[in-house]
Amino acid sequence: MDASFLTDRIARLKVTIVLYEDAVDALATDGIQSYILDTGQNRQNVTRLDVADLNNVLESLYNRCATMEARLNGSGVLTVRPCW
């Protein structure tokens, strides 16, 4: 993958991360019961019951972003397994 592709994907991931964080924050702090999450590809109505799922998606997005940034910066991502 070339640097321009990774840079573009990282920027898009960061926008998506902000959208998900805004949804979680609104549901957790503003006292609202539902929120429309619009990622540009789809619109999804989420409720307070979906906060755990949104947090799981956020964790996945952060991991994906960190992996792409490591590839962009020349750092390797290691998977370590026990040797026994």
C-alpha atoms as a PDB file:
ATOM      1  CA  MET A   1       0.000   0.000   0.000  1.00  0.00           C
ATOM      2  CA  ASP A   2       1.270   3.439  -0.793  1.00  0.00           C
ATOM      3  CA  ALA A   3       1.441   6.346   1.648  1.00  0.00           C
ATOM      4  CA  SER A   4      -1.298   8.426   0.012  1.00  0.00           C
ATOM      5  CA  PHE A   5      -3.770   5.546   0.224  1.00  0.00           C
ATOM      6  CA  LEU A   6      -2.992   4.939   3.897  1.00  0.00           C
ATOM      7  CA  THR A   7      -3.159   8.644   4.700  1.00  0.00           C
ATOM      8  CA  ASP A   8      -6.594   8.890   3.072  1.00  0.00           C
ATOM      9  CA  ARG A   9      -7.891   5.814   4.895  1.00  0.00           C
ATOM     10  CA  ILE A  10      -6.560   7.064   8.243  1.00  0.00           C
ATOM     11  CA  ALA A  11      -8.278  10.420   7.747  1.00  0.00           C
ATOM     12  CA  ARG A  12     -11.584   8.695   6.952  1.00  0.00           C
ATOM     13  CA  LEU A  13     -11.237   6.407   9.970  1.00  0.00           C
ATOM     14  CA  LYS A  14     -10.646   9.387  12.239  1.00  0.00           C
ATOM     15  CA  VAL A  15     -13.827  11.066  10.973  1.00  0.00           C
ATOM     16  CA  THR A  16     -15.776   7.876  11.654  1.00  0.00           C
ATOM     17  CA  ILE A  17     -14.246   7.613  15.133  1.00  0.00           C
ATOM     18  CA  VAL A  18     -15.400  11.152  15.932  1.00  0.00           C
ATOM     19  CA  LEU A  19     -18.943  10.342  14.745  1.00  0.00           C
ATOM     20  CA  TYR A  20     -19.131   7.257  16.959  1.00  0.00           C
ATOM     21  CA  GLU A  21     -17.672   9.134  19.937  1.00  0.00           C
ATOM     22  CA  ASP A  22     -20.240  11.900  19.469  1.00  0.00           C
ATOM     23  CA  ALA A  23     -23.035   9.331  19.485  1.00  0.00           C
ATOM     24  CA  VAL A  24     -21.761   7.658  22.661  1.00  0.00           C
ATOM     25  CA  ASP A  25     -21.255  11.003  24.394  1.00  0.00           C
ATOM     26  CA  ALA A  26     -24.731  12.228  23.451  1.00  0.00           C
ATOM     27  CA  LEU A  27     -26.393   9.056  24.692  1.00  0.00           C
ATOM     28  CA  ALA A  28     -24.373   8.961  27.897  1.00  0.00           C
ATOM     29  CA  THR A  29     -24.511  12.602  28.969  1.00  0.00           C
ATOM     30  CA  ASP A  30     -27.341  14.533  27.353  1.00  0.00           C
ATOM     31  CA  GLY A  31     -30.200  12.499  28.761  1.00  0.00           C
ATOM     32  CA  ILE A  32     -31.488  11.625  25.306  1.00  0.00           C
ATOM     33  CA  GLN A  33     -32.889   8.200  24.550  1.00  0.00           C
ATOM     34  CA  SER A  34     -31.989   7.861  20.855  1.00  0.00           C
ATOM     35  CA  TYR A  35     -29.467   9.316  18.431  1.00  0.00           C
ATOM     36  CA  ILE A  36     -29.153   9.174  14.650  1.00  0.00           C
ATOM     37  CA  LEU A  37     -25.651   8.085  13.680  1.00  0.00           C
ATOM     38  CA  ASP A  38     -24.948   9.272  10.144  1.00  0.00           C
ATOM     39  CA  THR A  39     -21.612   7.995   8.819  1.00  0.00           C
ATOM     40  CA  GLY A  40     -22.187   9.206   5.291  1.00  0.00           C
ATOM     41  CA  GLN A  41     -22.729   5.656   4.075  1.00  0.00           C
ATOM     42  CA  ASN A  42     -25.766   4.941   6.192  1.00  0.00           C
ATOM     43  CA  ARG A  43     -27.993   6.413   8.881  1.00  0.00           C
ATOM     44  CA  GLN A  44     -28.591   4.360  11.965  1.00  0.00           C
ATOM     45  CA  ASN A  45     -30.884   5.079  14.892  1.00  0.00           C
ATOM     46  CA  VAL A  46     -29.099   4.052  18.105  1.00  0.00           C
ATOM     47  CA  THR A  47     -30.367   4.080  21.670  1.00  0.00           C
ATOM     48  CA  ARG A  48     -28.844   3.900  25.116  1.00  0.00           C
ATOM     49  CA  LEU A  49     -29.062   0.131  24.872  1.00  0.00           C
ATOM     50  CA  ASP A  50     -26.597   0.271  21.951  1.00  0.00           C
ATOM     51  CA  VAL A  51     -23.816   2.074  23.853  1.00  0.00           C
ATOM     52  CA  ALA A  52     -21.911  -1.154  24.571  1.00  0.00           C
ATOM     53  CA  ASP A  53     -22.034  -2.105  20.879  1.00  0.00           C
ATOM     54  CA  LEU A  54     -20.922   1.387  19.874  1.00  0.00           C
ATOM     55  CA  ASN A  55     -17.982   1.132  22.268  1.00  0.00           C
ATOM     56  CA  ASN A  56     -16.991  -2.206  20.708  1.00  0.00           C
ATOM     57  CA  VAL A  57     -17.074  -0.626  17.258  1.00  0.00           C
ATOM     58  CA  LEU A  58     -15.003   2.294  18.553  1.00  0.00           C
ATOM     59  CA  GLU A  59     -12.376  -0.068  19.950  1.00  0.00           C
ATOM     60  CA  SER A  60     -12.183  -1.840  16.600  1.00  0.00           C
ATOM     61  CA  LEU A  61     -11.857   1.471  14.736  1.00  0.00           C
ATOM     62  CA  TYR A  62      -9.063   2.627  17.052  1.00  0.00           C
ATOM     63  CA  ASN A  63      -7.200  -0.651  16.532  1.00  0.00           C
ATOM     64  CA  ARG A  64      -7.574  -0.410  12.761  1.00  0.00           C
ATOM     65  CA  CYS A  65      -6.364   3.196  12.819  1.00  0.00           C
ATOM     66  CA  ALA A  66      -3.330   2.293  14.952  1.00  0.00           C
ATOM     67  CA  THR A  67      -2.436  -0.551  12.582  1.00  0.00           C
ATOM     68  CA  MET A  68      -2.660   1.695   9.528  1.00  0.00           C
ATOM     69  CA  GLU A  69      -0.603   4.417  11.225  1.00  0.00           C
ATOM     70  CA  ALA A  70       2.041   1.837  12.095  1.00  0.00           C
ATOM     71  CA  ARG A  71       2.178   0.730   8.470  1.00  0.00           C
ATOM     72  CA  LEU A  72       2.398   4.329   7.295  1.00  0.00           C
ATOM     73  CA  ASN A  73       5.197   5.196   9.695  1.00  0.00           C
ATOM     74  CA  GLY A  74       7.206   2.075   8.932  1.00  0.00           C
ATOM     75  CA  SER A  75       6.578   0.469  12.290  1.00  0.00           C
ATOM     76  CA  GLY A  76       5.651  -3.159  12.271  1.00  0.00           C
ATOM     77  CA  VAL A  77       2.729  -4.590  14.162  1.00  0.00           C
ATOM     78  CA  LEU A  78       3.781  -7.743  15.952  1.00  0.00           C
ATOM     79  CA  THR A  79       1.658 -10.670  16.948  1.00  0.00           C
ATOM     80  CA  VAL A  80       3.337 -12.408  19.857  1.00  0.00           C
ATOM     81  CA  ARG A  81       2.606 -16.004  20.716  1.00  0.00           C
ATOM     82  CA  PRO A  82       4.041 -18.215  23.432  1.00  0.00           C
ATOM     83  CA  CYS A  83       6.805 -20.502  22.222  1.00  0.00           C
ATOM     84  CA  TRP A  84       5.577 -23.625  23.988  1.00  0.00           C
END
